Protein backbone atom coordinates (compact mmCIF):
# COMPACT_ATOMS: atom_id res chain seq x y z
CA MET A 1 -16.54 -5.31 54.20
CA VAL A 2 -18.56 -5.35 51.24
CA VAL A 3 -19.75 -2.19 51.88
CA HIS A 4 -16.51 -0.97 52.00
CA LEU A 5 -15.43 -2.72 48.59
CA ILE A 6 -18.73 -1.32 47.16
CA LEU A 7 -17.44 2.30 48.30
CA LEU A 8 -13.90 2.03 46.93
CA ILE A 9 -15.04 0.88 43.50
CA SER A 10 -17.45 3.54 43.37
CA GLN A 11 -14.90 6.00 44.25
CA ASN A 12 -12.25 4.64 41.69
CA LEU A 13 -14.97 4.89 39.06
CA PHE A 14 -15.69 8.61 40.17
CA HIS A 15 -12.13 9.40 40.12
CA SER A 16 -11.81 7.57 36.45
CA GLU A 17 -14.78 9.66 35.19
CA SER A 18 -13.72 12.91 36.07
CA PHE A 19 -10.30 12.19 34.95
CA HIS A 20 -11.58 11.53 31.42
CA ALA A 21 -14.36 14.04 31.36
CA GLY A 22 -13.00 16.88 33.35
CA SER A 23 -10.28 18.77 31.83
CA ILE A 24 -6.44 18.11 32.45
CA PRO A 25 -5.00 20.15 35.24
CA GLY A 26 -2.11 22.42 33.52
CA HIS A 27 -3.21 21.93 30.41
CA LYS A 28 -3.32 25.09 28.20
CA VAL A 29 -6.16 25.70 25.67
CA ILE A 30 -5.21 27.53 22.35
CA ASN A 31 -7.83 29.35 20.56
CA ARG A 32 -6.80 28.72 17.07
CA ASP A 33 -9.62 30.27 15.20
CA ARG A 34 -10.14 26.73 13.42
CA GLU A 35 -13.73 28.58 11.98
CA ASN A 36 -11.69 31.23 9.97
CA ALA A 37 -9.20 28.38 9.22
CA SER A 38 -11.68 26.38 7.48
CA ARG A 39 -13.17 29.00 5.49
CA ASN A 40 -9.85 30.27 4.76
CA LEU A 41 -9.00 26.68 3.33
CA PHE A 42 -12.02 26.77 1.55
CA ASN A 43 -11.65 29.99 -0.45
CA ASP A 44 -8.24 28.82 -1.41
CA TYR A 45 -8.73 25.61 -3.12
CA PHE A 46 -12.42 24.68 -3.01
CA ALA A 47 -14.52 27.61 -4.26
CA ASP A 48 -16.28 27.83 -7.25
CA ASN A 49 -13.44 30.53 -8.14
CA PRO A 50 -10.18 29.55 -5.52
CA LEU A 51 -7.68 31.45 -4.99
CA PHE A 52 -5.04 29.13 -5.97
CA PRO A 53 -5.53 27.66 -9.48
CA GLU A 54 -5.69 23.87 -10.85
CA THR A 55 -1.80 23.73 -11.12
CA MET A 56 -0.87 24.87 -7.83
CA PHE A 57 -3.82 22.37 -6.22
CA ARG A 58 -2.31 19.47 -8.15
CA ARG A 59 1.12 20.35 -7.18
CA ARG A 60 0.07 20.50 -2.88
CA TYR A 61 -2.25 17.61 -2.99
CA GLN A 62 -0.83 15.68 -5.96
CA MET A 63 -3.88 15.21 -7.53
CA SER A 64 -6.54 16.61 -9.34
CA ARG A 65 -9.28 18.52 -7.63
CA PRO A 66 -12.14 16.16 -8.81
CA LEU A 67 -10.23 13.19 -7.59
CA PHE A 68 -9.63 14.83 -4.45
CA LEU A 69 -13.42 15.44 -4.13
CA ARG A 70 -14.24 12.08 -4.72
CA ILE A 71 -11.81 10.52 -2.45
CA TYR A 72 -13.25 13.21 0.12
CA GLU A 73 -16.85 12.63 -0.12
CA ALA A 74 -15.97 8.79 -0.08
CA ILE A 75 -14.16 8.77 3.38
CA GLN A 76 -17.01 11.13 4.87
CA SER A 77 -19.89 8.89 4.18
CA HIS A 78 -17.60 5.88 5.28
CA ASP A 79 -16.28 7.64 8.20
CA ASN A 80 -18.47 10.18 10.47
CA TYR A 81 -14.90 11.18 11.87
CA PHE A 82 -14.42 13.57 9.12
CA VAL A 83 -17.58 15.16 9.20
CA GLN A 84 -17.78 18.58 10.77
CA ARG A 85 -19.90 18.76 13.81
CA ARG A 86 -20.46 20.87 17.02
CA ASP A 87 -19.18 20.51 20.44
CA GLY A 88 -21.23 20.92 23.97
CA VAL A 89 -21.24 24.31 23.51
CA GLY A 90 -22.40 24.62 20.19
CA LYS A 91 -19.06 25.59 18.51
CA LEU A 92 -18.14 24.30 15.10
CA GLY A 93 -15.46 21.64 15.13
CA LEU A 94 -13.00 20.73 12.49
CA SER A 95 -14.52 20.38 9.10
CA GLY A 96 -13.31 17.35 6.97
CA LEU A 97 -11.32 19.14 4.49
CA GLN A 98 -9.14 20.22 7.35
CA LYS A 99 -8.58 17.32 8.87
CA ILE A 100 -7.89 15.72 5.62
CA THR A 101 -5.80 18.17 4.08
CA ALA A 102 -3.81 18.05 7.10
CA VAL A 103 -3.30 13.85 6.55
CA PHE A 104 -2.15 15.09 2.46
CA ARG A 105 0.28 17.34 4.10
CA MET A 106 1.95 14.60 5.82
CA LEU A 107 1.51 12.68 2.96
CA ALA A 108 2.82 14.70 0.33
CA TYR A 109 5.75 16.89 1.90
CA GLY A 110 6.46 13.93 4.41
CA LEU A 111 5.94 16.60 7.04
CA PRO A 112 5.44 16.12 10.89
CA ALA A 113 2.10 15.86 12.72
CA ASP A 114 2.57 19.32 14.28
CA SER A 115 3.78 21.35 11.16
CA THR A 116 0.17 21.66 10.05
CA ASP A 117 -1.19 23.99 12.85
CA GLU A 118 0.07 27.01 11.59
CA TYR A 119 -1.89 27.08 8.34
CA ILE A 120 -4.70 24.47 8.95
CA LYS A 121 -5.05 25.26 12.68
CA ILE A 122 -5.21 21.68 13.84
CA GLY A 123 -3.59 20.13 16.79
CA GLU A 124 -0.99 17.29 16.59
CA SER A 125 -2.80 14.71 18.44
CA THR A 126 -5.96 15.25 16.25
CA THR A 127 -3.63 15.27 12.88
CA ILE A 128 -2.50 11.67 14.07
CA GLU A 129 -5.92 10.71 14.65
CA SER A 130 -7.19 11.73 11.12
CA MET A 131 -4.02 10.19 9.50
CA LYS A 132 -4.97 6.71 11.12
CA ARG A 133 -8.22 7.18 10.41
CA PHE A 134 -8.08 8.20 7.01
CA CYS A 135 -5.65 5.78 5.79
CA ARG A 136 -7.92 2.82 7.39
CA ALA A 137 -11.12 4.39 5.62
CA VAL A 138 -8.72 4.47 2.21
CA VAL A 139 -8.02 0.91 2.20
CA GLU A 140 -11.44 -0.25 3.40
CA VAL A 141 -13.36 1.77 0.65
CA PHE A 142 -10.64 1.22 -2.21
CA SER A 143 -8.79 -1.63 -1.96
CA SER A 144 -10.87 -3.82 -4.07
CA ARG A 145 -10.94 -1.90 -6.88
CA TYR A 146 -7.39 -0.11 -7.12
CA LEU A 147 -5.30 -3.14 -5.04
CA ARG A 148 -6.60 -5.96 -7.02
CA SER A 149 -5.27 -8.93 -8.96
CA PRO A 150 -5.58 -8.09 -12.92
CA ASP A 151 -8.66 -9.85 -14.26
CA ALA A 152 -8.89 -11.34 -17.84
CA ASN A 153 -9.02 -7.82 -19.57
CA ASP A 154 -6.39 -6.26 -17.53
CA VAL A 155 -4.16 -9.57 -18.65
CA ALA A 156 -5.14 -9.34 -22.54
CA ARG A 157 -3.92 -5.37 -22.13
CA LEU A 158 -0.44 -6.57 -20.67
CA LEU A 159 -0.08 -9.18 -22.71
CA ASN A 160 -0.43 -6.68 -25.72
CA ILE A 161 1.61 -4.02 -24.39
CA GLY A 162 4.42 -6.86 -23.62
CA GLU A 163 4.52 -8.21 -27.18
CA ARG A 164 4.90 -4.63 -28.47
CA ARG A 165 7.54 -4.13 -26.59
CA GLY A 166 9.36 -7.24 -27.37
CA PHE A 167 8.75 -9.56 -24.39
CA PRO A 168 5.09 -11.97 -25.35
CA GLY A 169 3.79 -12.95 -22.24
CA MET A 170 5.22 -10.19 -19.58
CA LEU A 171 2.59 -9.30 -17.25
CA GLY A 172 4.89 -6.57 -15.17
CA SER A 173 8.09 -5.92 -13.41
CA LEU A 174 9.13 -7.34 -9.91
CA ASP A 175 11.63 -5.84 -7.23
CA CYS A 176 11.64 -4.82 -3.76
CA MET A 177 12.18 -1.68 -1.88
CA HIS A 178 13.21 -0.63 1.81
CA TRP A 179 11.31 1.94 3.96
CA LYS A 180 13.36 3.48 6.81
CA TRP A 181 11.78 2.84 10.16
CA LYS A 182 12.87 5.58 12.40
CA ASN A 183 11.08 4.44 15.54
CA CYS A 184 11.24 0.71 15.37
CA PRO A 185 11.36 -0.65 18.87
CA THR A 186 14.99 -1.39 20.08
CA ALA A 187 14.00 -4.96 20.67
CA TRP A 188 13.15 -5.09 17.12
CA GLY A 189 16.64 -3.28 15.51
CA GLY A 190 18.44 -6.36 15.10
CA GLN A 191 15.56 -8.23 13.16
CA TYR A 192 14.39 -5.21 10.82
CA ALA A 193 18.22 -3.91 10.14
CA GLY A 194 19.44 -5.20 6.84
CA ARG A 195 22.70 -4.31 5.04
CA SER A 196 22.34 -0.59 5.43
CA GLY A 197 22.55 -0.82 9.20
CA SER A 198 19.14 0.93 10.09
CA PRO A 199 16.01 -0.66 11.06
CA THR A 200 13.60 -1.09 7.62
CA ILE A 201 10.52 -2.62 6.07
CA ILE A 202 10.40 -4.36 2.92
CA LEU A 203 7.58 -3.60 0.20
CA GLU A 204 7.63 -6.03 -2.49
CA VAL A 205 5.69 -4.51 -5.64
CA VAL A 206 4.53 -5.44 -9.42
CA ALA A 207 4.34 -2.69 -11.96
CA ASP A 208 3.23 -2.36 -15.48
CA TYR A 209 4.15 -0.34 -18.21
CA ASP A 210 1.81 2.74 -17.05
CA LEU A 211 3.66 2.25 -13.38
CA TRP A 212 0.31 1.08 -12.15
CA ILE A 213 0.88 -1.45 -9.31
CA TRP A 214 -1.02 -4.48 -9.66
CA HIS A 215 0.73 -6.22 -6.57
CA ALA A 216 1.92 -5.11 -3.05
CA TYR A 217 3.32 -6.86 -0.27
CA PHE A 218 4.59 -5.13 2.83
CA GLY A 219 5.61 -6.06 6.16
CA LEU A 220 8.74 -7.82 6.44
CA PRO A 221 11.61 -7.20 8.12
CA GLY A 222 14.61 -5.38 6.01
CA SER A 223 16.96 -8.29 7.19
CA ASN A 224 15.32 -10.51 4.65
CA ASN A 225 16.39 -10.58 0.98
CA ASP A 226 14.09 -10.45 -2.31
CA ILE A 227 14.05 -14.23 -2.35
CA ASN A 228 12.76 -14.51 1.34
CA VAL A 229 9.99 -12.03 0.46
CA LEU A 230 8.52 -13.63 -2.52
CA GLU A 231 8.10 -17.07 -0.22
CA ALA A 232 5.98 -15.07 1.82
CA SER A 233 4.33 -12.93 -0.29
CA HIS A 234 0.96 -14.04 -2.15
CA LEU A 235 2.06 -13.03 -5.74
CA PHE A 236 1.51 -16.63 -7.20
CA ALA A 237 -1.19 -17.23 -4.81
CA ASN A 238 -3.83 -16.93 -7.88
CA LEU A 239 -2.00 -19.42 -9.45
CA ALA A 240 -1.57 -21.92 -6.66
CA GLU A 241 -5.17 -21.88 -6.16
CA GLY A 242 -6.18 -22.11 -10.03
CA THR A 243 -7.58 -18.92 -10.09
CA ALA A 244 -5.08 -17.06 -12.23
CA PRO A 245 -6.93 -15.50 -15.69
CA PRO A 246 -5.48 -17.21 -18.74
CA ALA A 247 -2.33 -16.08 -20.22
CA ASN A 248 -2.17 -17.17 -23.99
CA TYR A 249 0.84 -16.08 -26.02
CA VAL A 250 3.71 -17.66 -28.34
CA ILE A 251 7.42 -17.82 -28.77
CA ASN A 252 9.20 -19.18 -31.17
CA GLY A 253 6.20 -21.29 -32.36
CA LYS A 254 5.78 -22.55 -28.96
CA ASN A 255 2.53 -22.02 -27.23
CA TYR A 256 2.29 -21.08 -23.24
CA ASN A 257 -0.33 -20.63 -20.76
CA MET A 258 1.17 -18.89 -18.04
CA GLY A 259 2.80 -15.07 -17.74
CA TYR A 260 5.82 -14.17 -16.54
CA TYR A 261 7.50 -10.97 -14.58
CA LEU A 262 10.94 -9.47 -15.60
CA ALA A 263 13.20 -9.44 -12.27
CA ASP A 264 16.74 -9.06 -11.23
CA GLY A 265 19.41 -11.59 -10.92
CA ILE A 266 18.60 -12.42 -7.24
CA TYR A 267 15.54 -13.99 -8.16
CA PRO A 268 15.14 -18.02 -8.26
CA LYS A 269 15.31 -19.15 -11.83
CA TRP A 270 11.43 -20.03 -12.35
CA SER A 271 9.50 -20.23 -15.50
CA THR A 272 7.23 -17.11 -14.23
CA LEU A 273 10.47 -15.12 -13.36
CA VAL A 274 12.41 -14.02 -16.35
CA GLN A 275 16.05 -12.74 -15.40
CA THR A 276 18.48 -10.99 -17.68
CA ILE A 277 21.52 -12.74 -18.99
CA HIS A 278 24.66 -12.26 -16.74
CA ASP A 279 27.71 -11.41 -18.97
CA PRO A 280 25.99 -11.78 -22.33
CA ARG A 281 28.30 -13.00 -24.99
CA GLY A 282 27.00 -12.53 -28.95
CA PRO A 283 24.69 -9.67 -30.23
CA LYS A 284 21.53 -11.54 -29.80
CA LYS A 285 22.19 -12.12 -25.85
CA LYS A 286 23.52 -8.43 -25.44
CA LEU A 287 20.31 -6.93 -27.12
CA PHE A 288 18.33 -9.20 -25.17
CA ALA A 289 19.77 -8.13 -21.71
CA LYS A 290 19.46 -4.53 -22.88
CA LYS A 291 16.19 -4.81 -23.88
CA GLN A 292 15.37 -6.89 -20.24
CA GLU A 293 16.86 -4.67 -18.18
CA ALA A 294 15.00 -1.44 -20.02
CA CYS A 295 11.76 -3.13 -19.39
CA ARG A 296 12.25 -4.11 -16.22
CA LYS A 297 12.88 -0.42 -15.02
CA ASP A 298 9.08 0.02 -14.72
CA VAL A 299 9.12 -1.24 -11.38
CA GLU A 300 12.03 1.02 -10.65
CA ARG A 301 10.52 3.97 -11.93
CA ALA A 302 7.35 3.01 -10.20
CA PHE A 303 8.94 3.68 -6.92
CA GLY A 304 10.26 6.80 -7.86
CA VAL A 305 7.10 8.07 -8.70
CA LEU A 306 5.52 6.89 -5.70
CA GLN A 307 8.09 8.64 -3.00
CA SER A 308 8.14 11.73 -5.34
CA ARG A 309 4.45 11.94 -4.99
CA PHE A 310 3.95 10.79 -1.51
CA ALA A 311 7.11 11.94 0.53
CA ILE A 312 6.33 10.40 3.26
CA VAL A 313 7.61 6.56 2.36
CA ALA A 314 10.84 8.60 0.91
CA GLY A 315 11.66 9.57 4.50
CA PRO A 316 11.96 7.66 7.84
CA ALA A 317 8.86 6.30 9.14
CA ARG A 318 7.90 8.20 12.30
CA PHE A 319 4.77 6.14 13.58
CA TRP A 320 5.28 3.08 16.22
CA SER A 321 2.61 0.40 14.98
CA LYS A 322 3.19 -1.78 12.07
CA ARG A 323 -0.42 -1.76 11.15
CA VAL A 324 -0.80 1.86 10.92
CA LEU A 325 2.91 2.10 8.87
CA HIS A 326 0.99 -0.97 6.73
CA ASP A 327 -2.39 1.58 6.18
CA ILE A 328 0.07 4.42 5.38
CA MET A 329 2.24 2.80 2.32
CA THR A 330 -1.49 0.61 1.18
CA THR A 331 -2.78 3.96 1.46
CA CYS A 332 -0.23 5.86 -0.98
CA ILE A 333 -0.26 3.09 -3.51
CA ILE A 334 -3.95 2.89 -3.79
CA MET A 335 -3.75 6.79 -4.10
CA HIS A 336 -1.01 6.33 -6.68
CA ASN A 337 -2.99 4.06 -8.92
CA MET A 338 -6.09 6.22 -8.43
CA ILE A 339 -3.80 9.06 -9.90
CA ILE A 340 -2.38 7.05 -12.52
CA GLU A 341 -6.02 5.83 -13.42
CA ASP A 342 -7.43 9.50 -13.39
CA GLU A 343 -4.22 11.02 -15.61
CA ARG A 344 -2.87 8.29 -17.90
CA ASP A 345 -3.83 8.70 -21.66
CA VAL A 346 -4.65 5.01 -22.93
CA ASP A 347 -3.72 5.89 -26.42
CA ALA A 348 -0.52 7.21 -25.98
CA PRO A 349 1.92 5.12 -28.05
CA ILE A 350 3.41 2.46 -26.57
CA GLU A 351 7.41 1.94 -27.03
CA GLU A 352 7.73 -0.17 -30.04
CA ARG A 353 10.52 -3.18 -30.39
CA VAL A 354 13.26 -2.63 -32.64
CA GLU A 355 14.43 -6.24 -33.01
CA ASP A 356 12.78 -9.17 -31.68
CA PRO A 357 15.24 -10.03 -29.01
CA THR A 358 13.72 -13.48 -27.95
CA VAL A 359 16.61 -15.98 -27.40
CA GLU A 360 17.22 -19.12 -25.25
CA VAL A 361 17.93 -17.94 -21.84
CA GLU A 362 20.23 -20.12 -19.66
CA MET A 363 17.84 -21.29 -16.57
CA ALA A 364 18.53 -23.96 -14.09
CA SER A 365 17.74 -27.82 -15.19
CA ASP A 366 15.27 -28.29 -12.37
CA ASN A 367 13.62 -24.91 -12.62
CA ASP A 368 10.12 -26.18 -13.24
CA ALA A 369 10.58 -28.60 -10.62
CA ARG A 370 11.16 -25.99 -7.77
CA PHE A 371 8.64 -23.62 -9.16
CA GLN A 372 6.05 -26.82 -8.52
CA GLU A 373 7.37 -27.36 -5.12
CA PHE A 374 6.79 -23.93 -4.44
CA LEU A 375 3.12 -23.84 -5.37
CA ALA A 376 2.84 -27.35 -3.47
CA ARG A 377 3.97 -25.80 -0.47
CA HIS A 378 1.69 -22.80 -0.99
CA ARG A 379 -1.16 -25.13 -1.32
CA GLN A 380 -0.54 -26.88 2.08
CA ILE A 381 -0.32 -23.70 3.99
CA LYS A 382 -3.56 -22.51 2.65
CA ASN A 383 -5.14 -25.69 3.72
CA ARG A 384 -3.57 -25.96 6.81
CA GLU A 385 -4.96 -22.11 7.81
CA ALA A 386 -8.43 -23.34 6.47
CA HIS A 387 -8.04 -26.72 8.96
CA ILE A 388 -7.25 -24.64 11.93
CA GLU A 389 -9.97 -22.14 11.33
CA LEU A 390 -12.28 -24.88 10.85
CA ARG A 391 -11.02 -26.58 14.17
CA ASN A 392 -11.44 -23.54 15.78
CA ALA A 393 -14.83 -22.62 14.90
CA LEU A 394 -15.98 -26.31 15.78
CA ILE A 395 -14.42 -25.35 19.30
CA GLU A 396 -16.02 -22.43 19.62
CA HIS A 397 -19.45 -23.95 18.83
CA LEU A 398 -18.79 -26.90 20.81
CA TRP A 399 -18.00 -24.73 23.64
CA PHE A 400 -21.37 -22.74 22.97
CA GLU A 401 -23.45 -25.92 23.06
CA PHE A 402 -21.42 -26.83 26.30
CA THR A 403 -22.23 -23.82 28.36
CA ASN A 404 -25.92 -23.45 27.01
CA SER A 405 -26.68 -27.31 27.82
CA GLU A 406 -24.89 -26.65 31.67
CA ASN A 407 -27.17 -22.95 32.00
C-alpha cells in the first residue's frame, strides 16, 4: 500500500513537472523578431539622435525623456524582471524598454494589452505581467516621495498661495471621482454600482493650485457618497494623531492653527472644510461663492489632467483584481506628480485676489463638536487596530514558545 502510494505521488509530480516545464500542446510559437523590435524602439526614441524629436516623445510617453529614463533606471534596479536576459538557448529576451513602453502605451492611450504587439512585438500575457510588476514597483519606489502628506515647508507654501488667492489657511481642494470597473465580478455588481448604474470605484483626492495631488484614497465601492469616503479615508489621520504640521494664519484679526480644504455642498460643515454659500444674497456673499467655486475647481482640473495624461483611468478598467486597479491608479497619480515637479515653473505668477472675499460663512452650530467626534472615532479605530496587532503578535509568540517547549 505504501509503495503504491509513493508511486502514485511520483507519477503526479512527474506529470506536473512535465506540464510546467514542457511545451503546451497545440500552442503556436510566433517568431516576433523581438531583437529587431528592440533596436527599432531604441533608435526611434532613445538613441543620441533619435528618429522622433522630444516633442513627439513627450506626446507619446506623456513625460520628458530624462524623466522617463529616471523612472526606467529606478524600476530596473528595483525589479530585475525589467532587465534584459538570455533564454535557455542563448537568445535575447525582451528588453526593459520594450516592456515599459508597452506599459506606457496602455497607461497613456488606454489600449488593450494585445494592441502593443504590432510595434513592440510583445505578447499579451507578457504585457499584462509587465503592467502589474511595473505599477507595483513604482508604488514601492516612489510613493514615499510623490504621495506623501505635506511637510512644514509644503504647508507654508500652500498657505502663501492660498492667502494670495484670497483664502488664508487653504491647503487645497477636496473632491471624488469614479472609475468605471468593466470587469467587476457579478456578485459585487450591486455593491459597486452607483448612480450611473455601472460598477465604479471611488477615488478621493486633495489637489493644490499646481494640480499636485497631496492626498489620494482609492478603493471604496461606487455606491458610497463623498461623506462615506471621507469617513473611511486617512485625510485627517495626521491631525487626529497630533502630527500634522502647524498651519498658522489670521482671518479678521483671529488666529487659527488648523488649515482647511475647499469642498462642495455634500461635505459636512466642519472647521476643516469650507463650502460655498448656497443661494448667496448680497455682493459680499456672491463674491465669496464665486471665488470659492473658482478655487475649488483645482481638484476638478487635476482630475481632468490626470485622465488626459493617462487615458486608462478615463476609460473602463479591464482588470479583475482590486489590488491591481489600486496599483494602476496610484501609479498614475505618482507619475502625474512627477511630471508636475519636472515641468512646473515655481516662479510663475499666482492668481492674485481682486477683493477680499472673506465673510462669515453660515455653519452648523454643532460643527466643531461633530468634527471632534470624528477625530475621536479615528483615534479609537487606530488604537483598536494597534491592540489587535499586539494581541496577535503575543499569541504568535506564546504559540512559538509552547511548540519549542513541547519539542
